[in-house]
């Protein structure tokens, strides 16, 4: 987990709106009912009164309890997401001026959100400020191992190999190879059929031999059966 929060991270207050919208909506509804129906008293001088809810009034006390319950439910939902690792958090330990750092998921077994608007949480002797929250980065699926691409030999390389094979056969047996023999040897050397046939066709004239007779070797090398009456064209 990186120490710096990603750009898509949001403040703690916005995290509740994004990932716990139902719980936050219930909290706002409870606050509105308290503002509308709760009895307020004031203290201090008349020109600068300080208003507060009358917790001695039973109906107002119940509305205040509803707000606290809804707030705890909203914070609890967010804390469970953080504890499970479904959300990640970053905060400034001990001081709002400290460097921000990542918060381990298991720390939320002790941490509790204290003030969402200020992004403050604490517990277990720790105090965090400026909390930011984000979803984990998506895990990229593992790519299957692919065999390395083998570059296709150039026409010059293939032709040079065919020439070498033809000359070896000429030196060994004292004769030029047939077209089929050259193709079969090229296949044994690891070249494709189309490459082998094209390379043999480019053999120098002094290494070429006529193809008037039918040659079973080429048919076997190509994996095809050829009729006995079939004839082949002479090399160009």
Protein backbone atom coordinates (compact mmCIF):
# COMPACT_ATOMS: atom_id res chain seq x y z
CA UNK A 1 0.00 0.00 0.00
CA UNK A 2 1.49 3.34 -1.02
CA UNK A 3 2.09 6.09 1.55
CA UNK A 4 0.71 8.86 -0.64
CA UNK A 5 -3.05 8.71 -1.32
CA UNK A 6 -3.95 8.34 -5.00
CA UNK A 7 -5.50 11.29 -6.85
CA UNK A 8 -8.93 9.65 -6.79
CA UNK A 9 -9.00 9.52 -2.97
CA UNK A 10 -11.67 11.62 -1.21
CA UNK A 11 -11.98 13.24 2.24
CA UNK A 12 -13.64 11.20 4.98
CA UNK A 13 -16.90 13.16 4.77
CA UNK A 14 -17.17 12.54 1.01
CA UNK A 15 -16.33 8.85 1.59
CA UNK A 16 -19.48 8.43 3.66
CA UNK A 17 -21.53 10.04 0.89
CA UNK A 18 -19.93 7.81 -1.76
CA UNK A 19 -19.85 4.41 -0.07
CA UNK A 20 -22.51 4.69 2.67
CA UNK A 21 -25.24 6.80 1.00
CA UNK A 22 -28.19 5.08 2.67
CA UNK A 23 -26.78 5.48 6.19
CA UNK A 24 -25.82 9.10 5.50
CA UNK A 25 -29.29 9.87 4.15
CA UNK A 26 -30.84 8.50 7.36
CA UNK A 27 -28.47 10.64 9.45
CA UNK A 28 -29.42 13.78 7.52
CA UNK A 29 -33.12 12.98 7.95
CA UNK A 30 -32.68 12.61 11.72
CA UNK A 31 -30.85 15.94 11.89
CA UNK A 32 -33.61 17.66 9.98
CA UNK A 33 -36.26 16.29 12.35
CA UNK A 34 -34.23 17.49 15.34
CA UNK A 35 -33.86 20.96 13.83
CA UNK A 36 -37.56 21.12 13.06
CA UNK A 37 -39.11 19.56 16.17
CA UNK A 38 -36.47 19.78 18.90
CA UNK A 39 -36.86 22.26 21.71
CA UNK A 40 -33.97 24.68 22.07
CA UNK A 41 -32.83 26.76 25.01
CA UNK A 42 -30.24 29.47 25.06
CA UNK A 43 -27.68 30.70 27.50
CA UNK A 44 -25.47 33.75 27.68
CA UNK A 45 -26.35 37.41 27.25
CA UNK A 46 -29.45 38.30 25.19
CA UNK A 47 -27.32 40.09 22.60
CA UNK A 48 -25.16 36.98 22.04
CA UNK A 49 -27.23 33.93 22.91
CA UNK A 50 -25.85 30.40 22.59
CA UNK A 51 -28.56 27.95 21.58
CA UNK A 52 -28.57 24.29 22.55
CA UNK A 53 -31.14 21.54 22.51
CA UNK A 54 -33.07 20.88 25.69
CA UNK A 55 -32.13 17.32 26.58
CA UNK A 56 -34.48 17.56 29.54
CA UNK A 57 -37.39 17.59 27.12
CA UNK A 58 -38.30 13.95 26.43
CA UNK A 59 -39.25 14.39 22.77
CA UNK A 60 -36.14 16.43 22.07
CA UNK A 61 -33.97 13.90 23.93
CA UNK A 62 -35.36 11.12 21.72
CA UNK A 63 -34.62 13.09 18.56
CA UNK A 64 -31.07 13.69 19.80
CA UNK A 65 -30.67 9.96 20.49
CA UNK A 66 -31.88 9.19 16.95
CA UNK A 67 -29.18 11.47 15.52
CA UNK A 68 -26.47 9.77 17.58
CA UNK A 69 -27.70 6.31 16.57
CA UNK A 70 -27.80 7.18 12.87
CA UNK A 71 -24.33 8.76 13.09
CA UNK A 72 -22.91 5.64 14.72
CA UNK A 73 -24.48 3.45 12.02
CA UNK A 74 -22.97 5.58 9.25
CA UNK A 75 -19.52 5.61 10.86
CA UNK A 76 -19.74 1.88 11.62
CA UNK A 77 -20.48 1.01 7.99
CA UNK A 78 -17.49 2.99 6.82
CA UNK A 79 -15.23 1.50 9.51
CA UNK A 80 -16.22 -2.05 8.48
CA UNK A 81 -15.33 -1.31 4.86
CA UNK A 82 -11.95 0.00 5.99
CA UNK A 83 -11.34 -2.97 8.29
CA UNK A 84 -12.16 -5.46 5.52
CA UNK A 85 -9.77 -3.78 3.08
CA UNK A 86 -12.56 -2.94 0.64
CA UNK A 87 -11.58 0.68 1.23
CA UNK A 88 -8.13 2.09 1.99
CA UNK A 89 -7.33 5.09 4.20
CA UNK A 90 -4.52 7.62 4.60
CA UNK A 91 -4.12 10.05 7.47
CA UNK A 92 -1.74 12.31 9.43
CA UNK A 93 -0.78 10.67 12.74
CA UNK A 94 -0.84 12.72 15.96
CA UNK A 95 -0.88 16.13 14.25
CA UNK A 96 -2.62 17.84 11.32
CA UNK A 97 0.88 18.97 10.24
CA UNK A 98 2.42 15.50 10.14
CA UNK A 99 3.26 13.74 6.89
CA UNK A 100 0.36 11.72 5.55
CA UNK A 101 0.79 7.93 5.57
CA UNK A 102 -1.21 4.82 4.83
CA UNK A 103 -3.34 3.29 7.57
CA UNK A 104 -3.22 -0.54 7.82
CA UNK A 105 -6.62 -2.18 7.44
CA UNK A 106 -6.33 -4.08 10.74
CA UNK A 107 -5.85 -0.78 12.62
CA UNK A 108 -9.57 -0.16 12.17
CA UNK A 109 -10.27 -2.87 14.72
CA UNK A 110 -9.29 -0.17 17.28
CA UNK A 111 -9.83 3.09 15.40
CA UNK A 112 -13.18 4.89 15.45
CA UNK A 113 -14.32 7.86 13.38
CA UNK A 114 -14.62 10.82 15.72
CA UNK A 115 -15.49 13.68 13.37
CA UNK A 116 -16.22 12.95 9.72
CA UNK A 117 -16.28 16.59 8.60
CA UNK A 118 -12.81 17.17 10.07
CA UNK A 119 -11.52 13.79 8.89
CA UNK A 120 -10.55 12.77 12.40
CA UNK A 121 -10.36 9.29 13.90
CA UNK A 122 -8.79 7.80 17.01
CA UNK A 123 -8.47 4.78 19.24
CA UNK A 124 -5.88 2.48 20.75
CA UNK A 125 -3.73 5.45 21.70
CA UNK A 126 -3.63 6.77 18.13
CA UNK A 127 -5.10 9.96 16.72
CA UNK A 128 -5.41 10.61 13.00
CA UNK A 129 -6.19 13.81 11.13
CA UNK A 130 -7.03 14.66 7.52
CA UNK A 131 -8.22 11.18 6.61
CA UNK A 132 -8.65 10.38 2.93
CA UNK A 133 -10.26 7.24 1.53
CA UNK A 134 -10.04 5.37 -1.75
CA UNK A 135 -10.90 2.02 -3.25
CA UNK A 136 -8.00 -0.40 -3.84
CA UNK A 137 -6.47 -0.32 -7.29
CA UNK A 138 -8.00 -3.00 -9.53
CA UNK A 139 -5.96 -6.18 -9.72
CA UNK A 140 -4.78 -6.90 -13.24
CA UNK A 141 -5.48 -10.49 -14.31
CA UNK A 142 -2.38 -12.61 -14.75
CA UNK A 143 -1.40 -12.92 -18.37
CA UNK A 144 -0.68 -16.45 -19.57
CA UNK A 145 2.89 -17.12 -20.57
CA UNK A 146 3.23 -16.84 -24.31
CA UNK A 147 5.94 -18.57 -26.26
CA UNK A 148 8.56 -16.18 -27.58
CA UNK A 149 7.99 -15.04 -31.11
CA UNK A 150 10.46 -16.62 -33.50
CA UNK A 151 11.26 -14.23 -36.34
CA UNK A 152 10.59 -15.65 -39.77
CA UNK A 153 13.84 -16.15 -41.70
CA UNK A 154 14.42 -13.80 -44.57
CA UNK A 155 14.30 -14.99 -48.18
CA UNK A 156 18.08 -14.55 -48.37
CA UNK A 157 18.67 -16.77 -45.32
CA UNK A 158 16.36 -19.50 -46.62
CA UNK A 159 17.89 -19.41 -50.10
CA UNK A 160 21.40 -19.57 -48.64
CA UNK A 161 20.43 -22.61 -46.55
CA UNK A 162 18.97 -24.37 -49.60
CA UNK A 163 22.15 -23.71 -51.56
CA UNK A 164 24.26 -25.16 -48.77
CA UNK A 165 22.08 -28.28 -48.56
CA UNK A 166 22.26 -28.81 -52.34
CA UNK A 167 26.03 -28.45 -52.37
CA UNK A 168 26.41 -30.88 -49.46
CA UNK A 169 24.34 -33.46 -51.33
CA UNK A 170 26.36 -32.89 -54.50
CA UNK A 171 29.63 -33.40 -52.63
CA UNK A 172 28.35 -36.51 -50.80
CA UNK A 173 26.65 -38.37 -53.65
CA UNK A 174 28.25 -36.79 -56.70
CA UNK A 175 24.95 -35.63 -58.12
CA UNK A 176 22.57 -32.73 -57.96
CA UNK A 177 19.57 -33.13 -55.59
CA UNK A 178 16.08 -33.55 -56.93
CA UNK A 179 13.61 -30.81 -56.09
CA UNK A 180 11.89 -33.15 -53.62
CA UNK A 181 15.14 -34.12 -51.90
CA UNK A 182 16.08 -30.49 -51.41
CA UNK A 183 12.63 -29.66 -50.02
CA UNK A 184 12.73 -32.64 -47.64
CA UNK A 185 16.16 -31.62 -46.35
CA UNK A 186 14.97 -28.05 -45.86
CA UNK A 187 12.03 -29.35 -43.81
CA UNK A 188 14.41 -31.39 -41.66
CA UNK A 189 16.41 -28.22 -41.10
CA UNK A 190 13.30 -26.60 -39.58
CA UNK A 191 12.02 -24.46 -42.43
CA UNK A 192 8.33 -24.30 -43.37
CA UNK A 193 7.14 -26.06 -46.52
CA UNK A 194 6.37 -22.84 -48.36
CA UNK A 195 9.78 -21.43 -47.43
CA UNK A 196 11.53 -24.66 -48.49
CA UNK A 197 9.87 -24.87 -51.88
CA UNK A 198 10.50 -21.21 -52.61
CA UNK A 199 14.14 -21.50 -51.56
CA UNK A 200 14.79 -24.60 -53.69
CA UNK A 201 13.21 -22.84 -56.66
CA UNK A 202 15.90 -20.15 -56.28
CA UNK A 203 18.83 -22.58 -56.37
CA UNK A 204 21.65 -21.64 -58.75
CA UNK A 205 21.36 -23.35 -62.15
CA UNK A 206 24.46 -25.49 -61.55
CA UNK A 207 22.77 -27.12 -58.58
CA UNK A 208 19.36 -27.76 -60.16
CA UNK A 209 18.19 -31.12 -61.47
CA UNK A 210 15.26 -31.87 -63.76
CA UNK A 211 11.93 -32.99 -62.30
CA UNK A 212 10.41 -34.94 -65.16
CA UNK A 213 9.96 -38.06 -63.00
CA UNK A 214 7.44 -38.30 -60.19
CA UNK A 215 9.07 -38.07 -56.79
CA UNK A 216 7.28 -39.48 -53.73
CA UNK A 217 9.62 -37.68 -51.31
CA UNK A 218 8.05 -34.29 -51.95
CA UNK A 219 4.54 -35.71 -51.50
CA UNK A 220 5.53 -37.32 -48.18
CA UNK A 221 7.24 -34.15 -46.98
CA UNK A 222 4.15 -32.10 -47.83
CA UNK A 223 1.85 -34.63 -46.17
CA UNK A 224 -0.10 -35.29 -49.34
CA UNK A 225 -0.64 -38.33 -51.57
CA UNK A 226 0.06 -37.97 -55.27
CA UNK A 227 -1.23 -40.18 -58.06
CA UNK A 228 1.33 -42.29 -59.93
CA UNK A 229 0.38 -40.55 -63.16
CA UNK A 230 1.08 -37.09 -61.83
CA UNK A 231 4.01 -35.21 -63.32
CA UNK A 232 5.91 -32.19 -62.12
CA UNK A 233 7.06 -29.21 -63.99
CA UNK A 234 10.82 -28.79 -64.41
CA UNK A 235 12.55 -26.19 -62.33
CA UNK A 236 12.49 -22.75 -63.82
